[in-house]
N, C-alpha and C. Protein backbone atom coordinates (compact mmCIF):
# COMPACT_ATOMS: atom_id res chain seq x y z
N MET A 1 59.43 118.61 99.26
CA MET A 1 60.72 118.67 98.59
C MET A 1 61.83 119.02 99.59
N PHE A 2 61.48 119.97 100.47
CA PHE A 2 62.48 120.40 101.46
C PHE A 2 62.88 119.24 102.36
N ASN A 3 61.89 118.45 102.83
CA ASN A 3 62.19 117.33 103.70
C ASN A 3 63.01 116.27 102.99
N ARG A 4 62.70 116.08 101.68
CA ARG A 4 63.45 115.07 100.92
C ARG A 4 64.90 115.48 100.78
N THR A 5 65.12 116.76 100.50
CA THR A 5 66.49 117.26 100.36
C THR A 5 67.22 117.23 101.69
N LEU A 6 66.51 117.55 102.76
CA LEU A 6 67.10 117.50 104.09
C LEU A 6 67.53 116.08 104.43
N GLY A 7 66.71 115.13 103.99
CA GLY A 7 67.08 113.73 104.20
C GLY A 7 68.36 113.37 103.48
N SER A 8 68.52 113.90 102.26
CA SER A 8 69.74 113.65 101.50
C SER A 8 70.95 114.26 102.20
N LEU A 9 70.74 115.43 102.79
CA LEU A 9 71.82 116.09 103.53
C LEU A 9 72.26 115.24 104.72
N ILE A 10 71.30 114.73 105.45
CA ILE A 10 71.62 113.90 106.61
C ILE A 10 72.33 112.63 106.18
N LEU A 11 71.86 112.03 105.07
CA LEU A 11 72.48 110.82 104.57
C LEU A 11 73.93 111.06 104.18
N ALA A 12 74.18 112.19 103.54
CA ALA A 12 75.56 112.53 103.15
C ALA A 12 76.44 112.70 104.37
N PHE A 13 75.88 113.31 105.41
CA PHE A 13 76.65 113.52 106.64
C PHE A 13 77.01 112.19 107.29
N ILE A 14 76.02 111.28 107.36
CA ILE A 14 76.26 109.98 107.96
C ILE A 14 77.28 109.19 107.15
N SER A 15 77.16 109.25 105.82
CA SER A 15 78.07 108.51 104.96
C SER A 15 79.51 108.95 105.16
N GLY A 16 79.68 110.22 105.48
CA GLY A 16 81.03 110.74 105.68
C GLY A 16 81.73 110.11 106.86
N PHE A 17 80.95 109.57 107.82
CA PHE A 17 81.55 108.96 108.99
C PHE A 17 81.39 107.44 109.03
N SER A 18 80.75 106.85 108.01
CA SER A 18 80.44 105.43 108.05
C SER A 18 81.69 104.57 108.08
N ALA A 19 82.80 105.06 107.51
CA ALA A 19 84.02 104.26 107.47
C ALA A 19 84.77 104.27 108.79
N SER A 20 84.28 105.04 109.77
CA SER A 20 85.01 105.15 111.02
C SER A 20 84.65 104.05 112.01
N HIS A 21 83.69 103.17 111.68
CA HIS A 21 83.30 102.11 112.57
C HIS A 21 84.41 101.07 112.67
N ALA A 22 84.62 100.52 113.87
CA ALA A 22 85.65 99.50 114.07
C ALA A 22 85.38 98.30 113.18
N ALA A 23 86.45 97.76 112.60
CA ALA A 23 86.31 96.64 111.68
C ALA A 23 87.61 95.88 111.60
N THR A 24 87.57 94.69 110.98
CA THR A 24 88.78 93.93 110.71
C THR A 24 89.49 94.57 109.53
N LEU A 25 90.69 95.08 109.76
CA LEU A 25 91.45 95.73 108.71
C LEU A 25 92.28 94.74 107.91
N ALA A 26 92.82 93.74 108.58
CA ALA A 26 93.64 92.72 107.90
C ALA A 26 93.46 91.38 108.60
N ASN A 27 93.44 90.32 107.81
CA ASN A 27 93.28 88.98 108.37
C ASN A 27 94.04 87.99 107.49
N PHE A 28 95.19 87.55 107.96
CA PHE A 28 95.97 86.56 107.23
C PHE A 28 95.73 85.19 107.87
N ASN A 29 95.00 84.31 107.15
CA ASN A 29 94.74 82.99 107.72
C ASN A 29 95.42 81.88 106.92
N PHE A 30 96.12 82.25 105.85
CA PHE A 30 96.97 81.32 105.09
C PHE A 30 96.22 80.11 104.56
N ALA A 31 94.93 80.25 104.30
CA ALA A 31 94.14 79.15 103.76
C ALA A 31 94.75 78.70 102.43
N GLY A 32 94.99 77.41 102.34
CA GLY A 32 95.56 76.88 101.11
C GLY A 32 97.04 77.20 100.95
N GLY A 33 97.69 77.65 102.02
CA GLY A 33 99.10 77.95 101.94
C GLY A 33 99.41 79.15 101.08
N SER A 34 98.77 80.26 101.36
CA SER A 34 98.96 81.48 100.56
C SER A 34 99.24 82.67 101.45
N LEU A 35 100.11 83.56 100.99
CA LEU A 35 100.41 84.78 101.72
C LEU A 35 99.39 85.88 101.45
N ALA A 36 98.42 85.61 100.58
CA ALA A 36 97.47 86.63 100.17
C ALA A 36 96.74 87.23 101.37
N ASN A 37 96.56 88.52 101.34
CA ASN A 37 95.82 89.22 102.37
C ASN A 37 94.34 88.93 102.19
N SER A 38 93.69 88.43 103.24
CA SER A 38 92.27 88.10 103.14
C SER A 38 91.41 89.09 103.91
N ALA A 39 91.91 90.33 104.04
CA ALA A 39 91.14 91.34 104.76
C ALA A 39 89.87 91.69 104.02
N SER A 40 88.85 92.06 104.78
CA SER A 40 87.64 92.56 104.16
C SER A 40 87.96 93.88 103.46
N PRO A 41 87.44 94.07 102.24
CA PRO A 41 87.76 95.31 101.52
C PRO A 41 87.18 96.53 102.25
N ILE A 42 88.05 97.45 102.59
CA ILE A 42 87.64 98.66 103.30
C ILE A 42 88.17 99.87 102.55
N THR A 43 87.30 100.79 102.23
CA THR A 43 87.70 102.00 101.53
C THR A 43 88.64 102.83 102.39
N GLY A 44 89.73 103.30 101.79
CA GLY A 44 90.60 104.24 102.48
C GLY A 44 91.93 103.69 102.95
N ILE A 45 92.17 102.36 102.83
CA ILE A 45 93.45 101.80 103.26
C ILE A 45 93.95 100.76 102.27
N THR A 46 95.25 100.50 102.32
CA THR A 46 95.87 99.42 101.55
C THR A 46 96.71 98.58 102.50
N ILE A 47 96.56 97.25 102.42
CA ILE A 47 97.34 96.33 103.23
C ILE A 47 98.37 95.66 102.33
N SER A 48 99.64 95.68 102.73
CA SER A 48 100.68 95.05 101.92
C SER A 48 100.64 93.54 102.09
N MET A 49 101.28 92.86 101.17
CA MET A 49 101.47 91.42 101.31
C MET A 49 102.38 91.16 102.50
N LEU A 50 102.17 90.03 103.15
CA LEU A 50 103.04 89.64 104.25
C LEU A 50 104.42 89.31 103.70
N GLU A 51 105.47 89.70 104.43
CA GLU A 51 106.82 89.38 104.00
C GLU A 51 107.67 89.03 105.20
N SER A 52 108.86 88.52 104.93
CA SER A 52 109.74 88.07 106.00
C SER A 52 111.17 88.48 105.73
N ASP A 53 111.94 88.68 106.80
CA ASP A 53 113.37 88.89 106.67
C ASP A 53 114.06 87.59 106.28
N SER A 54 113.40 86.46 106.55
CA SER A 54 114.01 85.16 106.30
C SER A 54 113.86 84.75 104.84
N THR A 55 114.83 84.04 104.33
CA THR A 55 114.72 83.49 102.97
C THR A 55 114.01 82.15 103.00
N PHE A 56 113.66 81.66 104.19
CA PHE A 56 113.01 80.37 104.34
C PHE A 56 111.58 80.57 104.82
N LEU A 57 110.75 81.15 103.97
CA LEU A 57 109.35 81.37 104.32
C LEU A 57 108.51 80.29 103.64
N THR A 58 107.93 79.42 104.42
CA THR A 58 107.15 78.30 103.88
C THR A 58 105.85 78.19 104.65
N PHE A 59 105.11 77.13 104.35
CA PHE A 59 103.86 76.88 105.05
C PHE A 59 103.88 75.49 105.65
N THR A 60 103.14 75.31 106.71
CA THR A 60 103.09 74.02 107.37
C THR A 60 101.65 73.66 107.71
N SER A 61 101.36 72.40 107.76
CA SER A 61 100.04 71.93 108.21
C SER A 61 100.26 70.87 109.29
N ASN A 62 101.28 71.09 110.12
CA ASN A 62 101.56 70.17 111.21
C ASN A 62 100.38 70.08 112.17
N THR A 63 100.42 69.15 113.05
CA THR A 63 99.33 68.91 114.00
C THR A 63 98.89 70.21 114.69
N GLY A 64 97.60 70.47 114.62
CA GLY A 64 97.05 71.66 115.26
C GLY A 64 96.84 72.83 114.32
N TRP A 65 97.45 72.77 113.13
CA TRP A 65 97.32 73.86 112.16
C TRP A 65 96.53 73.40 110.95
N ASN A 66 95.75 74.29 110.40
CA ASN A 66 95.16 74.07 109.09
C ASN A 66 96.21 74.41 108.05
N SER A 67 96.69 75.62 108.10
CA SER A 67 97.82 76.05 107.29
C SER A 67 98.42 77.27 107.98
N ALA A 68 99.70 77.21 108.32
CA ALA A 68 100.36 78.28 109.05
C ALA A 68 101.62 78.71 108.33
N ALA A 69 101.96 80.00 108.48
CA ALA A 69 103.21 80.49 107.93
C ALA A 69 104.35 80.05 108.83
N GLN A 70 105.45 79.64 108.22
CA GLN A 70 106.59 79.15 109.00
C GLN A 70 107.87 79.83 108.53
N ILE A 71 108.62 80.38 109.48
CA ILE A 71 109.93 80.91 109.17
C ILE A 71 110.97 80.10 109.93
N SER A 72 112.01 79.71 109.21
CA SER A 72 113.06 78.89 109.80
C SER A 72 114.27 79.74 110.12
N GLY A 73 114.86 79.50 111.25
CA GLY A 73 115.97 80.33 111.70
C GLY A 73 117.33 79.88 111.25
N ALA A 74 117.48 79.54 110.00
CA ALA A 74 118.77 79.08 109.51
C ALA A 74 119.85 80.13 109.72
N ALA A 75 119.46 81.41 109.65
CA ALA A 75 120.42 82.50 109.85
C ALA A 75 120.39 83.01 111.28
N GLY A 76 119.58 82.38 112.12
CA GLY A 76 119.48 82.79 113.52
C GLY A 76 118.37 83.80 113.75
N PHE A 77 117.59 83.61 114.81
CA PHE A 77 116.57 84.58 115.17
C PHE A 77 117.20 85.75 115.92
N PHE A 78 116.40 86.74 116.22
CA PHE A 78 116.91 87.86 117.00
C PHE A 78 117.40 87.37 118.36
N SER A 79 118.43 88.03 118.88
CA SER A 79 118.91 87.68 120.21
C SER A 79 118.12 88.43 121.28
N VAL A 80 117.71 89.66 120.96
CA VAL A 80 116.86 90.47 121.84
C VAL A 80 115.92 91.27 120.95
N PRO A 81 114.78 91.71 121.46
CA PRO A 81 113.81 92.42 120.61
C PRO A 81 114.30 93.74 120.07
N THR A 82 115.26 94.37 120.73
CA THR A 82 115.72 95.68 120.28
C THR A 82 116.57 95.61 119.01
N THR A 83 116.89 94.41 118.52
CA THR A 83 117.70 94.27 117.31
C THR A 83 116.84 94.18 116.05
N HIS A 84 115.61 94.64 116.15
CA HIS A 84 114.71 94.50 115.01
C HIS A 84 115.24 95.14 113.74
N ALA A 85 116.01 96.21 113.87
CA ALA A 85 116.52 96.90 112.68
C ALA A 85 117.60 96.09 111.98
N ALA A 86 118.19 95.14 112.68
CA ALA A 86 119.25 94.32 112.08
C ALA A 86 118.64 93.16 111.31
N ALA A 87 119.51 92.45 110.57
CA ALA A 87 119.02 91.28 109.82
C ALA A 87 118.56 90.22 110.80
N GLY A 88 117.45 89.57 110.49
CA GLY A 88 116.92 88.54 111.37
C GLY A 88 115.62 88.02 110.83
N ASN A 89 115.00 87.11 111.53
CA ASN A 89 113.77 86.49 111.07
C ASN A 89 112.55 87.07 111.76
N ALA A 90 111.73 87.76 110.98
CA ALA A 90 110.48 88.33 111.46
C ALA A 90 109.49 88.29 110.32
N ILE A 91 108.22 88.40 110.64
CA ILE A 91 107.17 88.50 109.62
C ILE A 91 106.50 89.85 109.80
N ARG A 92 106.25 90.55 108.70
CA ARG A 92 105.70 91.91 108.82
C ARG A 92 104.77 92.22 107.65
N PHE A 93 103.95 93.24 107.87
CA PHE A 93 103.12 93.81 106.81
C PHE A 93 102.87 95.27 107.14
N SER A 94 102.40 96.01 106.18
CA SER A 94 102.17 97.44 106.37
C SER A 94 100.73 97.79 106.04
N ILE A 95 100.25 98.84 106.67
CA ILE A 95 98.94 99.40 106.37
C ILE A 95 99.14 100.87 106.04
N THR A 96 98.56 101.30 104.91
CA THR A 96 98.75 102.66 104.42
C THR A 96 97.40 103.28 104.09
N ALA A 97 97.18 104.50 104.56
CA ALA A 97 95.93 105.20 104.29
C ALA A 97 95.95 105.82 102.89
N SER A 98 94.82 105.79 102.22
CA SER A 98 94.68 106.48 100.94
C SER A 98 94.61 107.98 101.19
N SER A 99 94.79 108.75 100.13
CA SER A 99 94.70 110.21 100.26
C SER A 99 93.33 110.62 100.80
N GLY A 100 93.33 111.45 101.83
CA GLY A 100 92.07 111.92 102.42
C GLY A 100 91.57 111.05 103.55
N TYR A 101 92.36 110.04 103.97
CA TYR A 101 91.94 109.15 105.05
C TYR A 101 93.05 109.01 106.09
N ARG A 102 92.64 108.64 107.28
CA ARG A 102 93.54 108.23 108.35
C ARG A 102 92.93 107.01 109.03
N PHE A 103 93.70 106.34 109.85
CA PHE A 103 93.16 105.14 110.50
C PHE A 103 93.66 105.02 111.93
N SER A 104 92.94 104.21 112.69
CA SER A 104 93.33 103.91 114.06
C SER A 104 93.45 102.39 114.19
N LEU A 105 94.22 101.94 115.18
CA LEU A 105 94.39 100.52 115.46
C LEU A 105 93.94 100.23 116.88
N ASP A 106 93.06 99.26 117.02
CA ASP A 106 92.49 98.94 118.32
C ASP A 106 92.96 97.61 118.88
N GLU A 107 93.11 96.61 118.00
CA GLU A 107 93.43 95.26 118.49
C GLU A 107 94.28 94.52 117.47
N PHE A 108 95.24 93.73 117.98
CA PHE A 108 96.08 92.91 117.11
C PHE A 108 96.33 91.58 117.81
N GLY A 109 96.22 90.49 117.04
CA GLY A 109 96.44 89.18 117.64
C GLY A 109 96.83 88.15 116.60
N PHE A 110 97.36 87.02 117.08
CA PHE A 110 97.76 85.92 116.20
C PHE A 110 97.99 84.67 117.03
N LEU A 111 98.12 83.54 116.35
CA LEU A 111 98.49 82.29 116.99
C LEU A 111 99.96 82.01 116.68
N ALA A 112 100.69 81.45 117.64
CA ALA A 112 102.11 81.20 117.44
C ALA A 112 102.53 79.88 118.08
N ARG A 113 103.53 79.27 117.47
CA ARG A 113 104.14 78.07 118.03
C ARG A 113 105.56 77.97 117.50
N SER A 114 106.49 77.54 118.31
CA SER A 114 107.86 77.34 117.83
C SER A 114 108.41 76.02 118.34
N THR A 115 109.37 75.49 117.59
CA THR A 115 110.00 74.25 118.00
C THR A 115 110.97 74.54 119.14
N THR A 116 111.49 73.48 119.77
CA THR A 116 112.26 73.65 121.01
C THR A 116 113.54 74.46 120.84
N THR A 117 114.12 74.49 119.64
CA THR A 117 115.34 75.27 119.44
C THR A 117 115.07 76.64 118.84
N ALA A 118 113.81 76.94 118.61
CA ALA A 118 113.41 78.23 118.04
C ALA A 118 113.15 79.22 119.19
N PRO A 119 112.62 80.43 118.89
CA PRO A 119 112.50 81.47 119.93
C PRO A 119 111.77 81.03 121.19
N ARG A 120 112.32 81.41 122.33
CA ARG A 120 111.67 81.19 123.62
C ARG A 120 110.84 82.41 124.01
N ASP A 121 111.02 83.51 123.29
CA ASP A 121 110.30 84.75 123.57
C ASP A 121 109.65 85.25 122.29
N ILE A 122 108.56 86.00 122.44
CA ILE A 122 107.85 86.48 121.26
C ILE A 122 107.16 87.81 121.57
N GLY A 123 106.98 88.60 120.54
CA GLY A 123 106.28 89.86 120.67
C GLY A 123 106.01 90.45 119.31
N PHE A 124 105.49 91.66 119.28
CA PHE A 124 105.28 92.33 118.00
C PHE A 124 105.53 93.82 118.15
N LYS A 125 105.87 94.44 117.02
CA LYS A 125 106.12 95.87 117.00
C LYS A 125 105.13 96.55 116.07
N ILE A 126 104.60 97.69 116.51
CA ILE A 126 103.78 98.55 115.68
C ILE A 126 104.54 99.86 115.56
N GLY A 127 105.09 100.11 114.39
CA GLY A 127 106.00 101.24 114.24
C GLY A 127 107.22 101.00 115.12
N SER A 128 107.49 101.91 116.02
CA SER A 128 108.64 101.76 116.91
C SER A 128 108.26 101.26 118.30
N HIS A 129 106.98 100.96 118.51
CA HIS A 129 106.52 100.53 119.83
C HIS A 129 106.47 99.01 119.92
N PHE A 130 107.06 98.47 120.96
CA PHE A 130 107.16 97.02 121.10
C PHE A 130 106.20 96.50 122.17
N HIS A 131 105.57 95.37 121.87
CA HIS A 131 104.67 94.70 122.80
C HIS A 131 105.24 93.31 123.09
N ASP A 132 105.63 93.07 124.31
CA ASP A 132 106.32 91.85 124.71
C ASP A 132 105.36 90.87 125.36
N PHE A 133 105.29 89.63 124.80
CA PHE A 133 104.42 88.61 125.36
C PHE A 133 105.23 87.39 125.81
N SER A 134 106.50 87.61 126.11
CA SER A 134 107.38 86.52 126.49
C SER A 134 106.88 85.75 127.71
N ALA A 135 106.28 86.47 128.66
CA ALA A 135 105.84 85.83 129.90
C ALA A 135 104.77 84.77 129.67
N SER A 136 104.04 84.88 128.56
CA SER A 136 102.95 83.94 128.29
C SER A 136 103.26 83.01 127.13
N TYR A 137 104.55 82.90 126.78
CA TYR A 137 104.92 82.09 125.61
C TYR A 137 106.11 81.19 125.94
N SER A 138 106.12 79.99 125.38
CA SER A 138 107.26 79.09 125.53
C SER A 138 107.39 78.25 124.27
N ASN A 139 108.60 77.84 123.95
CA ASN A 139 108.83 77.08 122.72
C ASN A 139 108.72 75.58 122.97
N ASP A 140 107.54 75.16 123.38
CA ASP A 140 107.30 73.74 123.66
C ASP A 140 106.31 73.13 122.69
N SER A 141 106.16 73.77 121.51
CA SER A 141 105.27 73.29 120.44
C SER A 141 103.80 73.46 120.77
N THR A 142 103.49 74.18 121.85
CA THR A 142 102.10 74.48 122.19
C THR A 142 101.65 75.71 121.42
N ILE A 143 100.46 75.64 120.80
CA ILE A 143 99.92 76.79 120.09
C ILE A 143 99.45 77.82 121.11
N THR A 144 100.00 79.02 121.03
CA THR A 144 99.69 80.08 121.98
C THR A 144 98.96 81.23 121.29
N SER A 145 97.91 81.72 121.91
CA SER A 145 97.18 82.88 121.39
C SER A 145 97.78 84.14 121.97
N ILE A 146 98.25 85.02 121.08
CA ILE A 146 98.83 86.30 121.47
C ILE A 146 97.85 87.40 121.08
N SER A 147 97.49 88.28 122.01
CA SER A 147 96.50 89.30 121.67
C SER A 147 96.67 90.54 122.54
N GLU A 148 96.55 91.70 121.90
CA GLU A 148 96.53 92.98 122.59
C GLU A 148 95.30 93.73 122.13
N SER A 149 94.36 93.96 123.05
CA SER A 149 93.05 94.50 122.67
C SER A 149 92.87 95.98 123.00
N SER A 150 93.92 96.65 123.44
CA SER A 150 93.78 98.07 123.78
C SER A 150 94.99 98.84 123.25
N LEU A 151 95.14 98.86 121.92
CA LEU A 151 96.32 99.47 121.32
C LEU A 151 96.32 100.99 121.40
N ARG A 152 95.20 101.63 121.09
CA ARG A 152 95.08 103.09 121.18
C ARG A 152 96.03 103.84 120.23
N TYR A 153 96.22 103.30 119.01
CA TYR A 153 96.97 104.03 118.00
C TYR A 153 95.97 104.79 117.13
N THR A 154 96.11 106.10 117.03
CA THR A 154 95.14 106.91 116.31
C THR A 154 95.81 107.86 115.33
N ASP A 155 95.02 108.37 114.40
CA ASP A 155 95.44 109.40 113.46
C ASP A 155 96.69 108.98 112.67
N LEU A 156 96.68 107.75 112.16
CA LEU A 156 97.82 107.21 111.43
C LEU A 156 97.62 107.32 109.92
N THR A 157 98.71 107.51 109.20
CA THR A 157 98.66 107.47 107.74
C THR A 157 99.40 106.26 107.20
N SER A 158 100.36 105.73 107.94
CA SER A 158 101.11 104.55 107.52
C SER A 158 101.82 103.95 108.71
N VAL A 159 101.88 102.61 108.77
CA VAL A 159 102.61 101.95 109.86
C VAL A 159 102.96 100.53 109.42
N THR A 160 104.09 100.04 109.90
CA THR A 160 104.51 98.66 109.65
C THR A 160 104.39 97.87 110.95
N ILE A 161 103.82 96.67 110.83
CA ILE A 161 103.62 95.79 111.98
C ILE A 161 104.45 94.54 111.76
N SER A 162 105.26 94.17 112.74
CA SER A 162 106.08 92.97 112.61
C SER A 162 105.92 92.08 113.82
N ILE A 163 105.94 90.77 113.55
CA ILE A 163 105.93 89.75 114.60
C ILE A 163 107.32 89.16 114.65
N GLN A 164 107.92 89.10 115.83
CA GLN A 164 109.28 88.60 115.92
C GLN A 164 109.46 87.69 117.12
N GLY A 165 110.35 86.75 116.95
CA GLY A 165 110.74 85.89 118.05
C GLY A 165 112.23 86.08 118.31
N TRP A 166 112.66 85.86 119.53
CA TRP A 166 114.08 86.01 119.86
C TRP A 166 114.45 85.06 120.99
N ASN A 167 115.74 85.05 121.33
CA ASN A 167 116.25 84.20 122.40
C ASN A 167 116.08 82.73 122.05
N SER A 168 116.64 82.31 120.91
CA SER A 168 116.58 80.92 120.50
C SER A 168 117.92 80.24 120.75
N SER A 169 117.89 78.92 120.83
CA SER A 169 119.12 78.16 121.06
C SER A 169 119.63 77.49 119.79
N GLY A 170 118.93 77.73 118.68
CA GLY A 170 119.35 77.12 117.42
C GLY A 170 118.49 77.59 116.28
N ALA A 171 118.50 76.82 115.20
CA ALA A 171 117.75 77.20 114.00
C ALA A 171 116.25 77.10 114.26
N GLY A 172 115.70 75.90 114.26
CA GLY A 172 114.29 75.71 114.58
C GLY A 172 113.35 76.41 113.63
N ALA A 173 112.09 76.53 114.05
CA ALA A 173 111.07 77.16 113.22
C ALA A 173 110.04 77.86 114.09
N LEU A 174 109.56 78.99 113.59
CA LEU A 174 108.48 79.74 114.23
C LEU A 174 107.29 79.70 113.31
N GLN A 175 106.13 79.29 113.83
CA GLN A 175 104.92 79.14 113.02
C GLN A 175 103.85 80.12 113.50
N LEU A 176 103.19 80.77 112.54
CA LEU A 176 102.19 81.81 112.85
C LEU A 176 100.93 81.60 112.03
N ASP A 177 99.79 81.90 112.62
CA ASP A 177 98.52 81.75 111.90
C ASP A 177 97.49 82.73 112.46
N ASP A 178 96.42 82.94 111.67
CA ASP A 178 95.29 83.78 112.08
C ASP A 178 95.73 85.15 112.60
N ILE A 179 96.52 85.85 111.79
CA ILE A 179 96.97 87.19 112.13
C ILE A 179 95.83 88.17 111.85
N ILE A 180 95.33 88.84 112.87
CA ILE A 180 94.16 89.70 112.72
C ILE A 180 94.44 91.09 113.30
N LEU A 181 94.17 92.10 112.51
CA LEU A 181 94.31 93.49 112.93
C LEU A 181 92.97 94.19 112.82
N SER A 182 92.53 94.84 113.90
CA SER A 182 91.26 95.55 113.91
C SER A 182 91.47 97.02 114.19
N GLY A 183 90.58 97.84 113.65
CA GLY A 183 90.67 99.27 113.87
C GLY A 183 89.60 100.01 113.10
N SER A 184 89.85 101.28 112.83
CA SER A 184 88.88 102.12 112.14
C SER A 184 89.56 102.93 111.05
N VAL A 185 88.83 103.18 109.98
CA VAL A 185 89.30 104.06 108.90
C VAL A 185 88.43 105.31 108.93
N ILE A 186 89.08 106.47 108.94
CA ILE A 186 88.37 107.72 109.17
C ILE A 186 88.67 108.73 108.06
N PRO A 187 87.64 109.26 107.40
CA PRO A 187 87.88 110.33 106.42
C PRO A 187 88.43 111.57 107.12
N GLU A 188 89.37 112.24 106.50
CA GLU A 188 89.90 113.47 107.09
C GLU A 188 88.80 114.52 107.13
N PRO A 189 88.86 115.47 108.05
CA PRO A 189 87.82 116.50 108.18
C PRO A 189 87.52 117.23 106.88
N SER A 190 88.52 117.41 106.05
CA SER A 190 88.30 118.13 104.79
C SER A 190 87.35 117.39 103.87
N ILE A 191 87.43 116.04 103.91
CA ILE A 191 86.54 115.24 103.07
C ILE A 191 85.10 115.38 103.53
N THR A 192 84.91 115.29 104.85
CA THR A 192 83.57 115.43 105.40
C THR A 192 83.02 116.83 105.13
N PHE A 193 83.88 117.84 105.25
CA PHE A 193 83.45 119.21 105.02
C PHE A 193 83.00 119.41 103.57
N LEU A 194 83.70 118.82 102.63
CA LEU A 194 83.32 118.94 101.22
C LEU A 194 81.96 118.29 100.97
N CYS A 195 81.74 117.14 101.61
CA CYS A 195 80.45 116.47 101.44
C CYS A 195 79.32 117.33 102.00
N MET A 196 79.55 117.94 103.15
CA MET A 196 78.53 118.78 103.76
C MET A 196 78.30 120.03 102.93
N SER A 197 79.37 120.60 102.39
CA SER A 197 79.24 121.81 101.57
C SER A 197 78.43 121.53 100.32
N TRP A 198 78.70 120.40 99.70
CA TRP A 198 77.96 120.02 98.49
C TRP A 198 76.48 119.84 98.81
N ALA A 199 76.19 119.21 99.96
CA ALA A 199 74.79 118.99 100.33
C ALA A 199 74.08 120.30 100.62
N LEU A 200 74.78 121.25 101.23
CA LEU A 200 74.17 122.54 101.53
C LEU A 200 73.87 123.33 100.25
N VAL A 201 74.78 123.26 99.28
CA VAL A 201 74.56 123.94 97.99
C VAL A 201 73.34 123.35 97.32
N LEU A 202 73.25 122.02 97.36
CA LEU A 202 72.09 121.34 96.76
C LEU A 202 70.81 121.75 97.44
N LEU A 203 70.86 121.87 98.76
CA LEU A 203 69.69 122.28 99.53
C LEU A 203 69.22 123.68 99.13
N ARG A 204 70.13 124.61 98.98
CA ARG A 204 69.79 125.97 98.64
C ARG A 204 69.21 126.08 97.24
N ARG A 205 69.70 125.27 96.33
CA ARG A 205 69.20 125.32 94.95
C ARG A 205 67.80 124.79 94.84
N ARG A 206 67.43 123.86 95.69
CA ARG A 206 66.13 123.21 95.57
C ARG A 206 65.04 123.88 96.40
N ARG A 207 65.45 124.79 97.31
CA ARG A 207 64.42 125.45 98.13
C ARG A 207 63.60 126.43 97.31
């Protein structure tokens, strides 16, 4: 009986940390032309629907895409990345931890393409931190893979992530697909402590 209860205690301890393993937190692939979040269900977080500053948010299946989100710069794209707080065309979503949880972000990536008059530069922001990929991007209609695999954001309760393009010569269009965010969801120490306390009480009652 003691060994069986001890096994239950160990199982409870392991379960308390099972959500901390790295996983795909959000994955927007726009299958069928939908903004719906296709992330794997993970306990402890909520992913918002994708949204845009632009009123021209549509989908495209142009050459090379299955289905991609497209924002048109009728109102003009950002002139520089630091103008993110102003009105402009960007795509963003938020991740929020449930009560008793926190999360970390390890990797973020997406595919991007813009027409010749659309942004010549591209990057993304996580909270107030900007990641610039302009050196590896050009608006020549080539599909470019943008990826940052060493984010090191930890102990978060909420954050907004936005993809933005800037430095355009006209309206044009920016197309995005396969937006993937990876990280870990972690129960707060108090949650794990409660699980361990409950297991210890159970152990004492059964001895």
